[in-house]
């Protein structure tokens, strides 16, 4: 396996050190963090069964706070 040297600030190193597991190399840490990046929100849809009232309240809050007219996605129930 080849290796590459990278330069990071001490602040970044210390933050990475805090989230690195005991038995984990920095390469494994980076791979784990990159995997987390690939988690897509749409894979979580349907995880929470909302009542119609809850759904209306959430969408009302989203549109009021943002000032934008969001399009509600088609949810499969």
PDB file of N, CA and C in Angstrom:
ATOM      1  N   UNK A   1       0.842  -1.166   0.000  1.00  0.00           N
ATOM      2  CA  UNK A   1       0.000   0.000   0.000  1.00  0.00           C
ATOM      3  C   UNK A   1       0.897   1.241   0.000  1.00  0.00           C
ATOM      4  N   UNK A   2       0.575   2.185  -0.868  1.00  0.00           N
ATOM      5  CA  UNK A   2       1.344   3.425  -0.880  1.00  0.00           C
ATOM      6  C   UNK A   2       0.789   4.377   0.160  1.00  0.00           C
ATOM      7  N   UNK A   3       1.592   5.334   0.507  1.00  0.00           N
ATOM      8  CA  UNK A   3       1.127   6.323   1.473  1.00  0.00           C
ATOM      9  C   UNK A   3       1.491   7.713   0.972  1.00  0.00           C
ATOM     10  N   UNK A   4       0.762   8.694   1.442  1.00  0.00           N
ATOM     11  CA  UNK A   4       0.990  10.095   1.097  1.00  0.00           C
ATOM     12  C   UNK A   4       1.041  10.904   2.375  1.00  0.00           C
ATOM     13  N   UNK A   5       1.876  11.893   2.391  1.00  0.00           N
ATOM     14  CA  UNK A   5       1.931  12.811   3.521  1.00  0.00           C
ATOM     15  C   UNK A   5       1.038  14.005   3.223  1.00  0.00           C
ATOM     16  N   UNK A   6       0.296  14.423   4.221  1.00  0.00           N
ATOM     17  CA  UNK A   6      -0.513  15.626   4.083  1.00  0.00           C
ATOM     18  C   UNK A   6      -0.179  16.552   5.244  1.00  0.00           C
ATOM     19  N   UNK A   7      -0.392  17.819   5.025  1.00  0.00           N
ATOM     20  CA  UNK A   7      -0.105  18.801   6.060  1.00  0.00           C
ATOM     21  C   UNK A   7      -1.427  19.370   6.584  1.00  0.00           C
ATOM     22  N   UNK A   8      -1.588  19.336   7.897  1.00  0.00           N
ATOM     23  CA  UNK A   8      -2.767  19.921   8.532  1.00  0.00           C
ATOM     24  C   UNK A   8      -2.307  20.769   9.713  1.00  0.00           C
ATOM     25  N   UNK A   9      -3.134  21.699  10.086  1.00  0.00           N
ATOM     26  CA  UNK A   9      -2.779  22.533  11.229  1.00  0.00           C
ATOM     27  C   UNK A   9      -2.914  21.722  12.516  1.00  0.00           C
ATOM     28  N   UNK A  10      -2.274  22.189  13.549  1.00  0.00           N
ATOM     29  CA  UNK A  10      -2.345  21.504  14.840  1.00  0.00           C
ATOM     30  C   UNK A  10      -3.782  21.489  15.365  1.00  0.00           C
ATOM     31  N   UNK A  11      -4.521  22.560  15.099  1.00  0.00           N
ATOM     32  CA  UNK A  11      -5.918  22.646  15.525  1.00  0.00           C
ATOM     33  C   UNK A  11      -6.751  21.540  14.872  1.00  0.00           C
ATOM     34  N   UNK A  12      -6.569  21.343  13.573  1.00  0.00           N
ATOM     35  CA  UNK A  12      -7.291  20.279  12.858  1.00  0.00           C
ATOM     36  C   UNK A  12      -6.865  18.920  13.386  1.00  0.00           C
ATOM     37  N   UNK A  13      -5.571  18.730  13.582  1.00  0.00           N
ATOM     38  CA  UNK A  13      -5.060  17.468  14.106  1.00  0.00           C
ATOM     39  C   UNK A  13      -5.707  17.138  15.457  1.00  0.00           C
ATOM     40  N   UNK A  14      -5.773  18.123  16.345  1.00  0.00           N
ATOM     41  CA  UNK A  14      -6.353  17.901  17.673  1.00  0.00           C
ATOM     42  C   UNK A  14      -7.834  17.560  17.587  1.00  0.00           C
ATOM     43  N   UNK A  15      -8.549  18.194  16.659  1.00  0.00           N
ATOM     44  CA  UNK A  15      -9.972  17.875  16.490  1.00  0.00           C
ATOM     45  C   UNK A  15     -10.150  16.464  15.954  1.00  0.00           C
ATOM     46  N   UNK A  16      -9.310  16.079  15.001  1.00  0.00           N
ATOM     47  CA  UNK A  16      -9.376  14.714  14.468  1.00  0.00           C
ATOM     48  C   UNK A  16      -9.026  13.694  15.549  1.00  0.00           C
ATOM     49  N   UNK A  17      -8.047  14.005  16.353  1.00  0.00           N
ATOM     50  CA  UNK A  17      -7.629  13.117  17.426  1.00  0.00           C
ATOM     51  C   UNK A  17      -8.772  12.855  18.415  1.00  0.00           C
ATOM     52  N   UNK A  18      -9.604  13.867  18.649  1.00  0.00           N
ATOM     53  CA  UNK A  18     -10.737  13.711  19.574  1.00  0.00           C
ATOM     54  C   UNK A  18     -11.802  12.747  19.040  1.00  0.00           C
ATOM     55  N   UNK A  19     -11.971  12.686  17.714  1.00  0.00           N
ATOM     56  CA  UNK A  19     -13.024  11.814  17.170  1.00  0.00           C
ATOM     57  C   UNK A  19     -12.480  10.464  16.689  1.00  0.00           C
ATOM     58  N   UNK A  20     -11.160  10.329  16.661  1.00  0.00           N
ATOM     59  CA  UNK A  20     -10.541   9.069  16.256  1.00  0.00           C
ATOM     60  C   UNK A  20     -10.738   8.023  17.348  1.00  0.00           C
ATOM     61  N   UNK A  21     -11.112   6.837  16.923  1.00  0.00           N
ATOM     62  CA  UNK A  21     -11.279   5.740  17.877  1.00  0.00           C
ATOM     63  C   UNK A  21      -9.917   5.194  18.281  1.00  0.00           C
ATOM     64  N   UNK A  22      -9.870   4.544  19.454  1.00  0.00           N
ATOM     65  CA  UNK A  22      -8.603   4.012  19.991  1.00  0.00           C
ATOM     66  C   UNK A  22      -7.891   3.087  19.013  1.00  0.00           C
ATOM     67  N   UNK A  23      -8.643   2.168  18.436  1.00  0.00           N
ATOM     68  CA  UNK A  23      -8.040   1.142  17.573  1.00  0.00           C
ATOM     69  C   UNK A  23      -8.085   1.528  16.096  1.00  0.00           C
ATOM     70  N   UNK A  24      -8.239   2.812  15.802  1.00  0.00           N
ATOM     71  CA  UNK A  24      -8.440   3.273  14.432  1.00  0.00           C
ATOM     72  C   UNK A  24      -7.233   4.093  13.965  1.00  0.00           C
ATOM     73  N   UNK A  25      -6.785   3.820  12.756  1.00  0.00           N
ATOM     74  CA  UNK A  25      -5.715   4.638  12.175  1.00  0.00           C
ATOM     75  C   UNK A  25      -6.352   5.919  11.606  1.00  0.00           C
ATOM     76  N   UNK A  26      -5.517   6.886  11.295  1.00  0.00           N
ATOM     77  CA  UNK A  26      -6.058   8.102  10.700  1.00  0.00           C
ATOM     78  C   UNK A  26      -6.661   7.814   9.327  1.00  0.00           C
ATOM     79  N   UNK A  27      -6.073   6.892   8.580  1.00  0.00           N
ATOM     80  CA  UNK A  27      -6.647   6.509   7.284  1.00  0.00           C
ATOM     81  C   UNK A  27      -8.051   5.935   7.465  1.00  0.00           C
ATOM     82  N   UNK A  28      -8.212   5.077   8.476  1.00  0.00           N
ATOM     83  CA  UNK A  28      -9.531   4.497   8.759  1.00  0.00           C
ATOM     84  C   UNK A  28     -10.512   5.580   9.204  1.00  0.00           C
ATOM     85  N   UNK A  29     -10.028   6.545   9.982  1.00  0.00           N
ATOM     86  CA  UNK A  29     -10.867   7.659  10.405  1.00  0.00           C
ATOM     87  C   UNK A  29     -11.370   8.441   9.200  1.00  0.00           C
ATOM     88  N   UNK A  30     -10.456   8.765   8.285  1.00  0.00           N
ATOM     89  CA  UNK A  30     -10.849   9.513   7.089  1.00  0.00           C
ATOM     90  C   UNK A  30     -11.858   8.732   6.257  1.00  0.00           C
ATOM     91  N   UNK A  31     -11.652   7.434   6.121  1.00  0.00           N
ATOM     92  CA  UNK A  31     -12.621   6.613   5.375  1.00  0.00           C
ATOM     93  C   UNK A  31     -13.990   6.624   6.049  1.00  0.00           C
ATOM     94  N   UNK A  32     -13.989   6.531   7.380  1.00  0.00           N
ATOM     95  CA  UNK A  32     -15.262   6.556   8.125  1.00  0.00           C
ATOM     96  C   UNK A  32     -15.974   7.891   7.922  1.00  0.00           C
ATOM     97  N   UNK A  33     -15.224   8.982   7.996  1.00  0.00           N
ATOM     98  CA  UNK A  33     -15.826  10.300   7.810  1.00  0.00           C
ATOM     99  C   UNK A  33     -16.335  10.482   6.389  1.00  0.00           C
ATOM    100  N   UNK A  34     -15.626   9.942   5.417  1.00  0.00           N
ATOM    101  CA  UNK A  34     -16.078  10.032   4.030  1.00  0.00           C
ATOM    102  C   UNK A  34     -17.346   9.221   3.806  1.00  0.00           C
ATOM    103  N   UNK A  35     -17.471   8.085   4.485  1.00  0.00           N
ATOM    104  CA  UNK A  35     -18.691   7.275   4.378  1.00  0.00           C
ATOM    105  C   UNK A  35     -19.881   8.039   4.930  1.00  0.00           C
ATOM    106  N   UNK A  36     -19.681   8.753   6.031  1.00  0.00           N
ATOM    107  CA  UNK A  36     -20.748   9.549   6.623  1.00  0.00           C
ATOM    108  C   UNK A  36     -21.230  10.596   5.635  1.00  0.00           C
ATOM    109  N   UNK A  37     -20.318  11.151   4.847  1.00  0.00           N
ATOM    110  CA  UNK A  37     -20.667  12.161   3.848  1.00  0.00           C
ATOM    111  C   UNK A  37     -21.629  11.614   2.805  1.00  0.00           C
ATOM    112  N   UNK A  38     -21.583  10.308   2.566  1.00  0.00           N
ATOM    113  CA  UNK A  38     -22.418   9.698   1.524  1.00  0.00           C
ATOM    114  C   UNK A  38     -23.827   9.356   1.993  1.00  0.00           C
ATOM    115  N   UNK A  39     -24.122   9.563   3.265  1.00  0.00           N
ATOM    116  CA  UNK A  39     -25.462   9.281   3.769  1.00  0.00           C
ATOM    117  C   UNK A  39     -26.412  10.308   3.173  1.00  0.00           C
ATOM    118  N   UNK A  40     -27.454   9.849   2.529  1.00  0.00           N
ATOM    119  CA  UNK A  40     -28.389  10.757   1.885  1.00  0.00           C
ATOM    120  C   UNK A  40     -29.659  10.871   2.718  1.00  0.00           C
ATOM    121  N   UNK A  41     -30.142  12.095   2.817  1.00  0.00           N
ATOM    122  CA  UNK A  41     -31.331  12.364   3.604  1.00  0.00           C
ATOM    123  C   UNK A  41     -32.546  11.617   3.064  1.00  0.00           C
ATOM    124  N   UNK A  42     -32.649  11.471   1.750  1.00  0.00           N
ATOM    125  CA  UNK A  42     -33.827  10.806   1.182  1.00  0.00           C
ATOM    126  C   UNK A  42     -33.921   9.340   1.602  1.00  0.00           C
ATOM    127  N   UNK A  43     -32.828   8.749   2.069  1.00  0.00           N
ATOM    128  CA  UNK A  43     -32.884   7.376   2.564  1.00  0.00           C
ATOM    129  C   UNK A  43     -33.543   7.302   3.933  1.00  0.00           C
ATOM    130  N   UNK A  44     -33.711   8.457   4.569  1.00  0.00           N
ATOM    131  CA  UNK A  44     -34.334   8.521   5.893  1.00  0.00           C
ATOM    132  C   UNK A  44     -35.833   8.787   5.816  1.00  0.00           C
ATOM    133  N   UNK A  45     -36.338   9.136   4.627  1.00  0.00           N
ATOM    134  CA  UNK A  45     -37.764   9.421   4.490  1.00  0.00           C
ATOM    135  C   UNK A  45     -38.580   8.206   4.919  1.00  0.00           C
ATOM    136  N   UNK A  46     -39.637   8.469   5.629  1.00  0.00           N
ATOM    137  CA  UNK A  46     -40.505   7.398   6.075  1.00  0.00           C
ATOM    138  C   UNK A  46     -40.097   6.812   7.417  1.00  0.00           C
ATOM    139  N   UNK A  47     -38.987   7.295   7.961  1.00  0.00           N
ATOM    140  CA  UNK A  47     -38.519   6.773   9.240  1.00  0.00           C
ATOM    141  C   UNK A  47     -39.401   7.230  10.391  1.00  0.00           C
ATOM    142  N   UNK A  48     -40.136   8.304  10.177  1.00  0.00           N
ATOM    143  CA  UNK A  48     -40.998   8.859  11.216  1.00  0.00           C
ATOM    144  C   UNK A  48     -42.407   8.943  10.654  1.00  0.00           C
ATOM    145  N   UNK A  49     -43.333   8.271  11.276  1.00  0.00           N
ATOM    146  CA  UNK A  49     -44.715   8.301  10.816  1.00  0.00           C
ATOM    147  C   UNK A  49     -45.415   9.528  11.390  1.00  0.00           C
ATOM    148  N   UNK A  50     -45.622  10.519  10.528  1.00  0.00           N
ATOM    149  CA  UNK A  50     -46.259  11.758  10.951  1.00  0.00           C
ATOM    150  C   UNK A  50     -47.762  11.678  10.760  1.00  0.00           C
ATOM    151  N   UNK A  51     -48.478  12.300  11.658  1.00  0.00           N
ATOM    152  CA  UNK A  51     -49.902  12.474  11.427  1.00  0.00           C
ATOM    153  C   UNK A  51     -50.043  13.609  10.415  1.00  0.00           C
ATOM    154  N   UNK A  52     -51.186  13.734   9.793  1.00  0.00           N
ATOM    155  CA  UNK A  52     -51.404  14.823   8.831  1.00  0.00           C
ATOM    156  C   UNK A  52     -51.234  16.177   9.512  1.00  0.00           C
ATOM    157  N   UNK A  53     -51.673  16.277  10.745  1.00  0.00           N
ATOM    158  CA  UNK A  53     -51.563  17.534  11.489  1.00  0.00           C
ATOM    159  C   UNK A  53     -50.094  17.894  11.738  1.00  0.00           C
ATOM    160  N   UNK A  54     -49.290  16.899  12.139  1.00  0.00           N
ATOM    161  CA  UNK A  54     -47.861  17.141  12.354  1.00  0.00           C
ATOM    162  C   UNK A  54     -47.173  17.581  11.064  1.00  0.00           C
ATOM    163  N   UNK A  55     -47.517  16.910   9.970  1.00  0.00           N
ATOM    164  CA  UNK A  55     -46.928  17.240   8.673  1.00  0.00           C
ATOM    165  C   UNK A  55     -47.268  18.676   8.264  1.00  0.00           C
ATOM    166  N   UNK A  56     -48.531  19.066   8.429  1.00  0.00           N
ATOM    167  CA  UNK A  56     -48.947  20.435   8.097  1.00  0.00           C
ATOM    168  C   UNK A  56     -48.204  21.454   8.949  1.00  0.00           C
ATOM    169  N   UNK A  57     -48.060  21.161  10.232  1.00  0.00           N
ATOM    170  CA  UNK A  57     -47.379  22.076  11.149  1.00  0.00           C
ATOM    171  C   UNK A  57     -45.904  22.246  10.774  1.00  0.00           C
ATOM    172  N   UNK A  58     -45.260  21.151  10.427  1.00  0.00           N
ATOM    173  CA  UNK A  58     -43.847  21.208  10.042  1.00  0.00           C
ATOM    174  C   UNK A  58     -43.670  22.025   8.763  1.00  0.00           C
ATOM    175  N   UNK A  59     -44.495  21.756   7.745  1.00  0.00           N
ATOM    176  CA  UNK A  59     -44.371  22.493   6.484  1.00  0.00           C
ATOM    177  C   UNK A  59     -44.710  23.966   6.659  1.00  0.00           C
ATOM    178  N   UNK A  60     -45.656  24.257   7.506  1.00  0.00           N
ATOM    179  CA  UNK A  60     -46.006  25.649   7.779  1.00  0.00           C
ATOM    180  C   UNK A  60     -44.806  26.359   8.401  1.00  0.00           C
ATOM    181  N   UNK A  61     -44.169  25.704   9.357  1.00  0.00           N
ATOM    182  CA  UNK A  61     -43.003  26.272  10.035  1.00  0.00           C
ATOM    183  C   UNK A  61     -41.849  26.481   9.055  1.00  0.00           C
ATOM    184  N   UNK A  62     -41.611  25.524   8.181  1.00  0.00           N
ATOM    185  CA  UNK A  62     -40.524  25.625   7.195  1.00  0.00           C
ATOM    186  C   UNK A  62     -40.741  26.825   6.285  1.00  0.00           C
ATOM    187  N   UNK A  63     -41.936  26.958   5.763  1.00  0.00           N
ATOM    188  CA  UNK A  63     -42.196  28.050   4.828  1.00  0.00           C
ATOM    189  C   UNK A  63     -42.202  29.407   5.520  1.00  0.00           C
ATOM    190  N   UNK A  64     -42.696  29.476   6.749  1.00  0.00           N
ATOM    191  CA  UNK A  64     -42.720  30.751   7.463  1.00  0.00           C
ATOM    192  C   UNK A  64     -41.315  31.204   7.851  1.00  0.00           C
ATOM    193  N   UNK A  65     -40.495  30.282   8.316  1.00  0.00           N
ATOM    194  CA  UNK A  65     -39.141  30.647   8.757  1.00  0.00           C
ATOM    195  C   UNK A  65     -38.245  31.039   7.597  1.00  0.00           C
ATOM    196  N   UNK A  66     -38.385  30.344   6.479  1.00  0.00           N
ATOM    197  CA  UNK A  66     -37.470  30.581   5.369  1.00  0.00           C
ATOM    198  C   UNK A  66     -37.916  31.743   4.486  1.00  0.00           C
ATOM    199  N   UNK A  67     -39.208  32.043   4.508  1.00  0.00           N
ATOM    200  CA  UNK A  67     -39.721  33.073   3.615  1.00  0.00           C
ATOM    201  C   UNK A  67     -39.765  32.617   2.169  1.00  0.00           C
ATOM    202  N   UNK A  68     -39.516  31.348   1.957  1.00  0.00           N
ATOM    203  CA  UNK A  68     -39.541  30.791   0.596  1.00  0.00           C
ATOM    204  C   UNK A  68     -40.745  29.889   0.447  1.00  0.00           C
ATOM    205  N   UNK A  69     -41.131  29.672  -0.759  1.00  0.00           N
ATOM    206  CA  UNK A  69     -42.241  28.778  -1.045  1.00  0.00           C
ATOM    207  C   UNK A  69     -41.665  27.410  -1.426  1.00  0.00           C
ATOM    208  N   UNK A  70     -41.463  26.565  -0.442  1.00  0.00           N
ATOM    209  CA  UNK A  70     -40.891  25.252  -0.666  1.00  0.00           C
ATOM    210  C   UNK A  70     -41.921  24.335  -1.294  1.00  0.00           C
ATOM    211  N   UNK A  71     -41.449  23.471  -2.194  1.00  0.00           N
ATOM    212  CA  UNK A  71     -42.315  22.439  -2.755  1.00  0.00           C
ATOM    213  C   UNK A  71     -42.189  21.192  -1.897  1.00  0.00           C
ATOM    214  N   UNK A  72     -43.310  20.728  -1.435  1.00  0.00           N
ATOM    215  CA  UNK A  72     -43.325  19.533  -0.601  1.00  0.00           C
ATOM    216  C   UNK A  72     -43.083  18.310  -1.482  1.00  0.00           C
ATOM    217  N   UNK A  73     -42.130  17.426  -1.140  1.00  0.00           N
ATOM    218  CA  UNK A  73     -41.892  16.228  -1.950  1.00  0.00           C
ATOM    219  C   UNK A  73     -43.061  15.271  -1.848  1.00  0.00           C
ATOM    220  N   UNK A  74     -43.239  14.457  -2.860  1.00  0.00           N
ATOM    221  CA  UNK A  74     -44.280  13.436  -2.832  1.00  0.00           C
ATOM    222  C   UNK A  74     -43.855  12.336  -1.882  1.00  0.00           C
ATOM    223  N   UNK A  75     -44.595  12.193  -0.820  1.00  0.00           N
ATOM    224  CA  UNK A  75     -44.268  11.172   0.174  1.00  0.00           C
ATOM    225  C   UNK A  75     -45.118   9.940  -0.089  1.00  0.00           C
ATOM    226  N   UNK A  76     -44.486   8.791  -0.027  1.00  0.00           N
ATOM    227  CA  UNK A  76     -45.190   7.532  -0.188  1.00  0.00           C
ATOM    228  C   UNK A  76     -45.604   7.063   1.178  1.00  0.00           C
ATOM    229  N   UNK A  77     -46.885   6.806   1.375  1.00  0.00           N
ATOM    230  CA  UNK A  77     -47.360   6.362   2.683  1.00  0.00           C
ATOM    231  C   UNK A  77     -47.825   4.942   2.626  1.00  0.00           C
TER     232      UNK A  77
END
